Amino acid sequence: MNSRLVNENPIVYPKKQGRVRTDQSNTDEYSSTNHIRDIKDPEHSELTLEDLRVITKESVEVDDAKSYVRVTLTPTLPHCHVPHLIGLCIYSKLLKSLPTRFKVDVRVAPGSHATEAAVNKQLGDKERIAAALESPYFVDLFN
């Protein structure tokens, strides 16, 4: 993305094996995690959000009965400059992968980012999210 990296040497964690789906459900925690585990980090395109533990199986909550998915992301640095973009990528992937009845909520983990409240406010603004997901810049970046 930029020629100067903010986090030049991120910690890379071992990849956990994906769970093979044993039923037709597309909405349990494991399948929701599998939908987003391979999203590439915007700053380190060779690494995934899972490699950096920006997302984990534990950070994905699914309530099938209430048609609700919440993802809590943890930026690699408290001053990470791309949590908004990471959140948009997660939103986009889940909105394309899950049945339309699901409400998706993406948040920054408490205490994990210097501007946590501002990032969460932006990620909670559904009109802003919808506009960003239609933006040619975002579509090109995501594809």
N, C-alpha and C. Protein backbone atom coordinates (compact mmCIF):
# COMPACT_ATOMS: atom_id res chain seq x y z
N MET A 1 0.84 -1.19 0.00
CA MET A 1 0.00 0.00 0.00
C MET A 1 0.88 1.25 0.00
N ASN A 2 1.60 1.51 1.08
CA ASN A 2 2.53 2.64 1.14
C ASN A 2 3.95 2.12 1.00
N SER A 3 4.87 2.97 0.54
CA SER A 3 6.25 2.54 0.45
C SER A 3 6.88 2.48 1.84
N ARG A 4 6.34 3.23 2.78
CA ARG A 4 6.83 3.22 4.15
C ARG A 4 5.81 2.50 5.01
N LEU A 5 6.23 1.38 5.61
CA LEU A 5 5.33 0.59 6.43
C LEU A 5 5.27 1.14 7.84
N VAL A 6 4.09 1.15 8.43
CA VAL A 6 3.93 1.57 9.81
C VAL A 6 4.42 0.48 10.74
N ASN A 7 4.11 -0.77 10.41
CA ASN A 7 4.53 -1.90 11.21
C ASN A 7 5.44 -2.76 10.33
N GLU A 8 6.72 -2.45 10.33
CA GLU A 8 7.66 -3.10 9.41
C GLU A 8 7.89 -4.57 9.74
N ASN A 9 7.80 -4.94 11.01
CA ASN A 9 8.06 -6.31 11.42
C ASN A 9 6.92 -6.85 12.29
N PRO A 10 5.77 -7.11 11.70
CA PRO A 10 4.65 -7.59 12.50
C PRO A 10 4.91 -9.01 13.01
N ILE A 11 4.30 -9.34 14.13
CA ILE A 11 4.38 -10.71 14.63
C ILE A 11 3.45 -11.56 13.78
N VAL A 12 3.98 -12.66 13.27
CA VAL A 12 3.19 -13.58 12.46
C VAL A 12 2.97 -14.84 13.28
N TYR A 13 1.71 -15.20 13.47
CA TYR A 13 1.34 -16.35 14.29
C TYR A 13 1.10 -17.56 13.40
N PRO A 14 1.27 -18.77 13.97
CA PRO A 14 0.99 -19.97 13.17
C PRO A 14 -0.49 -20.02 12.78
N LYS A 15 -0.73 -20.48 11.59
CA LYS A 15 -2.10 -20.56 11.07
C LYS A 15 -2.79 -21.78 11.67
N LYS A 16 -4.03 -21.57 12.11
CA LYS A 16 -4.83 -22.69 12.61
C LYS A 16 -5.52 -23.35 11.43
N GLN A 17 -5.72 -24.64 11.53
CA GLN A 17 -6.40 -25.36 10.46
C GLN A 17 -7.87 -25.00 10.43
N GLY A 18 -8.39 -24.77 9.23
CA GLY A 18 -9.81 -24.47 9.08
C GLY A 18 -10.65 -25.69 9.39
N ARG A 19 -11.83 -25.46 9.88
CA ARG A 19 -12.74 -26.55 10.23
C ARG A 19 -13.56 -26.91 9.00
N VAL A 20 -13.66 -28.19 8.75
CA VAL A 20 -14.47 -28.65 7.64
C VAL A 20 -15.92 -28.65 8.10
N ARG A 21 -16.78 -28.08 7.30
CA ARG A 21 -18.19 -28.00 7.64
C ARG A 21 -18.81 -29.39 7.54
N THR A 22 -19.57 -29.76 8.58
CA THR A 22 -20.18 -31.08 8.62
C THR A 22 -21.68 -31.04 8.37
N ASP A 23 -22.25 -29.84 8.24
CA ASP A 23 -23.69 -29.72 7.96
C ASP A 23 -23.88 -28.63 6.92
N GLN A 24 -25.10 -28.30 6.64
CA GLN A 24 -25.38 -27.30 5.61
C GLN A 24 -25.38 -25.88 6.15
N SER A 25 -25.18 -25.72 7.46
CA SER A 25 -25.20 -24.38 8.05
C SER A 25 -24.08 -23.53 7.48
N ASN A 26 -24.38 -22.31 7.20
CA ASN A 26 -23.40 -21.37 6.68
C ASN A 26 -23.14 -20.25 7.68
N THR A 27 -23.66 -20.40 8.89
CA THR A 27 -23.66 -19.26 9.78
C THR A 27 -23.03 -19.51 11.15
N ASP A 28 -22.47 -20.68 11.40
CA ASP A 28 -21.88 -20.86 12.72
C ASP A 28 -20.57 -20.09 12.81
N GLU A 29 -20.02 -20.01 14.03
CA GLU A 29 -18.80 -19.21 14.23
C GLU A 29 -17.66 -19.65 13.33
N TYR A 30 -17.53 -20.96 13.16
CA TYR A 30 -16.40 -21.48 12.41
C TYR A 30 -16.49 -21.11 10.93
N SER A 31 -17.67 -21.26 10.36
CA SER A 31 -17.78 -20.92 8.95
C SER A 31 -17.67 -19.41 8.75
N SER A 32 -18.18 -18.63 9.69
CA SER A 32 -18.04 -17.17 9.57
C SER A 32 -16.58 -16.78 9.66
N THR A 33 -15.83 -17.43 10.54
CA THR A 33 -14.40 -17.17 10.64
C THR A 33 -13.71 -17.60 9.35
N ASN A 34 -14.10 -18.74 8.80
CA ASN A 34 -13.49 -19.21 7.56
C ASN A 34 -13.74 -18.24 6.40
N HIS A 35 -14.86 -17.53 6.40
CA HIS A 35 -15.14 -16.57 5.35
C HIS A 35 -14.14 -15.41 5.36
N ILE A 36 -13.65 -15.05 6.54
CA ILE A 36 -12.80 -13.85 6.64
C ILE A 36 -11.36 -14.13 7.01
N ARG A 37 -11.03 -15.36 7.32
CA ARG A 37 -9.68 -15.67 7.80
C ARG A 37 -8.57 -15.38 6.79
N ASP A 38 -8.89 -15.45 5.51
CA ASP A 38 -7.87 -15.26 4.47
C ASP A 38 -7.86 -13.88 3.84
N ILE A 39 -8.56 -12.93 4.44
CA ILE A 39 -8.48 -11.55 3.95
C ILE A 39 -7.04 -11.07 4.17
N LYS A 40 -6.48 -10.50 3.13
CA LYS A 40 -5.08 -10.03 3.21
C LYS A 40 -5.00 -8.73 4.00
N ASP A 41 -3.92 -8.59 4.75
CA ASP A 41 -3.67 -7.36 5.48
C ASP A 41 -3.34 -6.26 4.47
N PRO A 42 -3.96 -5.08 4.59
CA PRO A 42 -3.71 -4.01 3.62
C PRO A 42 -2.26 -3.55 3.56
N GLU A 43 -1.55 -3.64 4.65
CA GLU A 43 -0.16 -3.18 4.67
C GLU A 43 0.83 -4.28 4.29
N HIS A 44 0.50 -5.51 4.61
CA HIS A 44 1.37 -6.66 4.33
C HIS A 44 0.57 -7.66 3.50
N SER A 45 0.55 -7.47 2.20
CA SER A 45 -0.34 -8.25 1.33
C SER A 45 0.01 -9.74 1.31
N GLU A 46 1.17 -10.12 1.79
CA GLU A 46 1.53 -11.54 1.83
C GLU A 46 0.99 -12.22 3.10
N LEU A 47 0.44 -11.43 4.03
CA LEU A 47 -0.08 -11.97 5.28
C LEU A 47 -1.59 -11.77 5.37
N THR A 48 -2.24 -12.67 6.09
CA THR A 48 -3.69 -12.57 6.26
C THR A 48 -4.00 -11.97 7.64
N LEU A 49 -5.26 -11.58 7.81
CA LEU A 49 -5.68 -11.06 9.12
C LEU A 49 -5.53 -12.13 10.19
N GLU A 50 -5.71 -13.38 9.82
CA GLU A 50 -5.51 -14.47 10.77
C GLU A 50 -4.03 -14.63 11.13
N ASP A 51 -3.14 -14.53 10.14
CA ASP A 51 -1.70 -14.64 10.40
C ASP A 51 -1.25 -13.64 11.47
N LEU A 52 -1.85 -12.46 11.43
CA LEU A 52 -1.47 -11.37 12.34
C LEU A 52 -2.34 -11.34 13.61
N ARG A 53 -3.28 -12.25 13.71
CA ARG A 53 -4.25 -12.31 14.80
C ARG A 53 -5.06 -11.01 14.95
N VAL A 54 -5.30 -10.38 13.82
CA VAL A 54 -6.22 -9.24 13.80
C VAL A 54 -7.63 -9.79 14.04
N ILE A 55 -7.88 -10.98 13.50
CA ILE A 55 -9.10 -11.71 13.81
C ILE A 55 -8.73 -13.13 14.24
N THR A 56 -9.55 -13.69 15.12
CA THR A 56 -9.39 -15.06 15.59
C THR A 56 -10.77 -15.71 15.62
N LYS A 57 -10.79 -17.00 15.80
CA LYS A 57 -12.07 -17.70 15.93
C LYS A 57 -12.86 -17.12 17.11
N GLU A 58 -12.16 -16.77 18.17
CA GLU A 58 -12.81 -16.24 19.37
C GLU A 58 -13.35 -14.83 19.17
N SER A 59 -12.86 -14.13 18.17
CA SER A 59 -13.31 -12.75 17.95
C SER A 59 -14.55 -12.66 17.07
N VAL A 60 -15.08 -13.81 16.67
CA VAL A 60 -16.28 -13.84 15.83
C VAL A 60 -17.42 -14.43 16.66
N GLU A 61 -18.47 -13.63 16.85
CA GLU A 61 -19.65 -14.08 17.58
C GLU A 61 -20.81 -14.19 16.60
N VAL A 62 -21.51 -15.31 16.65
CA VAL A 62 -22.65 -15.53 15.77
C VAL A 62 -23.85 -15.92 16.60
N ASP A 63 -24.96 -15.23 16.35
CA ASP A 63 -26.23 -15.60 16.96
C ASP A 63 -27.19 -15.89 15.81
N ASP A 64 -27.28 -17.16 15.46
CA ASP A 64 -28.10 -17.56 14.32
C ASP A 64 -29.57 -17.24 14.55
N ALA A 65 -30.04 -17.42 15.79
CA ALA A 65 -31.45 -17.17 16.10
C ALA A 65 -31.81 -15.70 15.92
N LYS A 66 -30.86 -14.80 16.22
CA LYS A 66 -31.11 -13.36 16.07
C LYS A 66 -30.55 -12.80 14.76
N SER A 67 -30.00 -13.68 13.92
CA SER A 67 -29.43 -13.28 12.62
C SER A 67 -28.39 -12.17 12.80
N TYR A 68 -27.42 -12.43 13.66
CA TYR A 68 -26.46 -11.40 14.04
C TYR A 68 -25.04 -11.97 14.05
N VAL A 69 -24.10 -11.24 13.47
CA VAL A 69 -22.68 -11.60 13.51
C VAL A 69 -21.90 -10.38 13.98
N ARG A 70 -21.05 -10.57 14.97
CA ARG A 70 -20.16 -9.49 15.42
C ARG A 70 -18.72 -9.98 15.31
N VAL A 71 -17.90 -9.15 14.68
CA VAL A 71 -16.47 -9.42 14.57
C VAL A 71 -15.74 -8.33 15.32
N THR A 72 -14.88 -8.73 16.24
CA THR A 72 -14.06 -7.77 16.98
C THR A 72 -12.64 -7.92 16.49
N LEU A 73 -12.15 -6.89 15.81
CA LEU A 73 -10.79 -6.95 15.26
C LEU A 73 -9.81 -6.28 16.22
N THR A 74 -8.59 -6.79 16.21
CA THR A 74 -7.52 -6.25 17.06
C THR A 74 -6.39 -5.79 16.16
N PRO A 75 -6.23 -4.48 15.96
CA PRO A 75 -5.13 -3.99 15.12
C PRO A 75 -3.77 -4.44 15.68
N THR A 76 -2.78 -4.55 14.82
CA THR A 76 -1.46 -5.00 15.26
C THR A 76 -0.73 -3.94 16.08
N LEU A 77 -1.13 -2.68 15.90
CA LEU A 77 -0.52 -1.58 16.65
C LEU A 77 -1.61 -0.63 17.15
N PRO A 78 -1.39 0.02 18.29
CA PRO A 78 -2.39 0.97 18.79
C PRO A 78 -2.59 2.18 17.87
N HIS A 79 -1.64 2.45 17.01
CA HIS A 79 -1.75 3.58 16.08
C HIS A 79 -1.85 3.11 14.62
N CYS A 80 -2.32 1.89 14.43
CA CYS A 80 -2.53 1.34 13.08
C CYS A 80 -3.37 2.33 12.26
N HIS A 81 -2.98 2.57 11.03
CA HIS A 81 -3.68 3.55 10.20
C HIS A 81 -4.72 2.93 9.28
N VAL A 82 -4.95 1.61 9.37
CA VAL A 82 -5.91 0.98 8.46
C VAL A 82 -7.04 0.18 9.12
N PRO A 83 -7.39 0.42 10.38
CA PRO A 83 -8.48 -0.39 10.96
C PRO A 83 -9.81 -0.17 10.24
N HIS A 84 -10.03 1.04 9.71
CA HIS A 84 -11.27 1.31 8.96
C HIS A 84 -11.32 0.43 7.72
N LEU A 85 -10.21 0.35 7.02
CA LEU A 85 -10.14 -0.44 5.80
C LEU A 85 -10.29 -1.92 6.11
N ILE A 86 -9.65 -2.39 7.17
CA ILE A 86 -9.79 -3.78 7.58
C ILE A 86 -11.25 -4.08 7.91
N GLY A 87 -11.88 -3.19 8.65
CA GLY A 87 -13.29 -3.36 8.99
C GLY A 87 -14.17 -3.43 7.75
N LEU A 88 -13.90 -2.57 6.78
CA LEU A 88 -14.66 -2.58 5.52
C LEU A 88 -14.48 -3.90 4.76
N CYS A 89 -13.27 -4.40 4.76
CA CYS A 89 -13.01 -5.68 4.09
C CYS A 89 -13.79 -6.80 4.76
N ILE A 90 -13.82 -6.79 6.09
CA ILE A 90 -14.58 -7.81 6.82
C ILE A 90 -16.06 -7.69 6.52
N TYR A 91 -16.59 -6.46 6.58
CA TYR A 91 -18.00 -6.23 6.24
C TYR A 91 -18.30 -6.76 4.85
N SER A 92 -17.52 -6.37 3.89
CA SER A 92 -17.76 -6.74 2.50
C SER A 92 -17.78 -8.25 2.34
N LYS A 93 -16.80 -8.91 2.88
CA LYS A 93 -16.71 -10.37 2.74
C LYS A 93 -17.90 -11.07 3.39
N LEU A 94 -18.27 -10.64 4.59
CA LEU A 94 -19.40 -11.28 5.28
C LEU A 94 -20.73 -10.98 4.59
N LEU A 95 -20.90 -9.75 4.12
CA LEU A 95 -22.15 -9.41 3.44
C LEU A 95 -22.32 -10.22 2.16
N LYS A 96 -21.21 -10.56 1.51
CA LYS A 96 -21.28 -11.37 0.30
C LYS A 96 -21.43 -12.86 0.62
N SER A 97 -20.99 -13.29 1.80
CA SER A 97 -20.93 -14.71 2.14
C SER A 97 -22.13 -15.21 2.93
N LEU A 98 -22.71 -14.36 3.77
CA LEU A 98 -23.78 -14.79 4.66
C LEU A 98 -25.15 -14.53 4.03
N PRO A 99 -26.17 -15.25 4.48
CA PRO A 99 -27.53 -14.94 4.02
C PRO A 99 -27.88 -13.49 4.35
N THR A 100 -28.73 -12.90 3.53
CA THR A 100 -29.05 -11.48 3.67
C THR A 100 -29.78 -11.14 4.97
N ARG A 101 -30.32 -12.12 5.65
CA ARG A 101 -31.02 -11.85 6.91
C ARG A 101 -30.06 -11.43 8.04
N PHE A 102 -28.76 -11.63 7.85
CA PHE A 102 -27.81 -11.34 8.92
C PHE A 102 -27.41 -9.88 8.99
N LYS A 103 -27.37 -9.37 10.20
CA LYS A 103 -26.82 -8.05 10.50
C LYS A 103 -25.37 -8.28 10.89
N VAL A 104 -24.49 -7.53 10.29
CA VAL A 104 -23.06 -7.66 10.57
C VAL A 104 -22.59 -6.44 11.34
N ASP A 105 -21.86 -6.68 12.40
CA ASP A 105 -21.30 -5.61 13.23
C ASP A 105 -19.81 -5.86 13.37
N VAL A 106 -19.01 -4.88 13.01
CA VAL A 106 -17.55 -4.99 13.12
C VAL A 106 -17.08 -3.91 14.07
N ARG A 107 -16.24 -4.30 15.01
CA ARG A 107 -15.75 -3.39 16.05
C ARG A 107 -14.26 -3.59 16.26
N VAL A 108 -13.62 -2.56 16.81
CA VAL A 108 -12.23 -2.65 17.24
C VAL A 108 -12.26 -3.11 18.70
N ALA A 109 -11.39 -4.03 19.05
CA ALA A 109 -11.33 -4.55 20.42
C ALA A 109 -11.05 -3.43 21.41
N PRO A 110 -11.74 -3.45 22.55
CA PRO A 110 -11.52 -2.42 23.58
C PRO A 110 -10.04 -2.32 23.99
N GLY A 111 -9.56 -1.08 23.98
CA GLY A 111 -8.18 -0.80 24.39
C GLY A 111 -7.10 -1.16 23.39
N SER A 112 -7.49 -1.55 22.17
CA SER A 112 -6.49 -2.01 21.20
C SER A 112 -6.04 -0.95 20.20
N HIS A 113 -6.72 0.22 20.21
CA HIS A 113 -6.36 1.25 19.23
C HIS A 113 -6.49 2.63 19.86
N ALA A 114 -5.60 3.51 19.48
CA ALA A 114 -5.56 4.86 20.06
C ALA A 114 -6.84 5.66 19.78
N THR A 115 -7.46 5.42 18.64
CA THR A 115 -8.69 6.15 18.29
C THR A 115 -9.87 5.17 18.20
N GLU A 116 -9.92 4.25 19.12
CA GLU A 116 -10.94 3.20 19.13
C GLU A 116 -12.36 3.73 18.98
N ALA A 117 -12.71 4.74 19.75
CA ALA A 117 -14.08 5.28 19.71
C ALA A 117 -14.41 5.84 18.33
N ALA A 118 -13.48 6.56 17.73
CA ALA A 118 -13.72 7.14 16.40
C ALA A 118 -13.84 6.05 15.34
N VAL A 119 -12.99 5.03 15.42
CA VAL A 119 -13.05 3.93 14.44
C VAL A 119 -14.37 3.19 14.59
N ASN A 120 -14.76 2.89 15.83
CA ASN A 120 -16.01 2.17 16.06
C ASN A 120 -17.22 3.00 15.61
N LYS A 121 -17.15 4.30 15.79
CA LYS A 121 -18.24 5.16 15.34
C LYS A 121 -18.37 5.08 13.81
N GLN A 122 -17.24 5.14 13.11
CA GLN A 122 -17.27 5.06 11.65
C GLN A 122 -17.73 3.69 11.17
N LEU A 123 -17.26 2.63 11.83
CA LEU A 123 -17.66 1.28 11.44
C LEU A 123 -19.13 1.00 11.79
N GLY A 124 -19.69 1.77 12.71
CA GLY A 124 -21.09 1.62 13.08
C GLY A 124 -22.04 2.46 12.24
N ASP A 125 -21.51 3.32 11.40
CA ASP A 125 -22.32 4.19 10.55
C ASP A 125 -22.69 3.44 9.27
N LYS A 126 -23.88 2.88 9.23
CA LYS A 126 -24.29 2.02 8.12
C LYS A 126 -24.33 2.75 6.78
N GLU A 127 -24.71 4.03 6.78
CA GLU A 127 -24.73 4.79 5.52
C GLU A 127 -23.32 4.99 5.00
N ARG A 128 -22.40 5.27 5.89
CA ARG A 128 -21.00 5.46 5.50
C ARG A 128 -20.42 4.14 4.96
N ILE A 129 -20.76 3.04 5.62
CA ILE A 129 -20.29 1.72 5.18
C ILE A 129 -20.85 1.42 3.79
N ALA A 130 -22.14 1.63 3.59
CA ALA A 130 -22.76 1.37 2.29
C ALA A 130 -22.09 2.19 1.19
N ALA A 131 -21.83 3.48 1.46
CA ALA A 131 -21.17 4.34 0.47
C ALA A 131 -19.76 3.85 0.16
N ALA A 132 -19.03 3.47 1.21
CA ALA A 132 -17.65 3.00 1.01
C ALA A 132 -17.62 1.71 0.20
N LEU A 133 -18.57 0.81 0.46
CA LEU A 133 -18.60 -0.47 -0.26
C LEU A 133 -18.93 -0.30 -1.74
N GLU A 134 -19.52 0.85 -2.10
CA GLU A 134 -19.83 1.13 -3.50
C GLU A 134 -18.74 1.97 -4.17
N SER A 135 -17.81 2.45 -3.40
CA SER A 135 -16.74 3.30 -3.92
C SER A 135 -15.84 2.52 -4.89
N PRO A 136 -15.54 3.09 -6.06
CA PRO A 136 -14.65 2.41 -7.02
C PRO A 136 -13.28 2.10 -6.40
N TYR A 137 -12.78 3.00 -5.55
CA TYR A 137 -11.49 2.77 -4.90
C TYR A 137 -11.55 1.50 -4.06
N PHE A 138 -12.59 1.38 -3.24
CA PHE A 138 -12.71 0.22 -2.38
C PHE A 138 -12.93 -1.05 -3.19
N VAL A 139 -13.79 -0.99 -4.19
CA VAL A 139 -14.07 -2.17 -5.03
C VAL A 139 -12.78 -2.65 -5.67
N ASP A 140 -11.98 -1.74 -6.22
CA ASP A 140 -10.69 -2.12 -6.83
C ASP A 140 -9.75 -2.71 -5.80
N LEU A 141 -9.69 -2.10 -4.64
CA LEU A 141 -8.80 -2.57 -3.59
C LEU A 141 -9.22 -3.96 -3.11
N PHE A 142 -10.50 -4.14 -2.90
CA PHE A 142 -10.99 -5.42 -2.39
C PHE A 142 -10.80 -6.53 -3.41
N ASN A 143 -11.02 -6.22 -4.68
CA ASN A 143 -10.87 -7.25 -5.72
C ASN A 143 -9.40 -7.49 -6.02
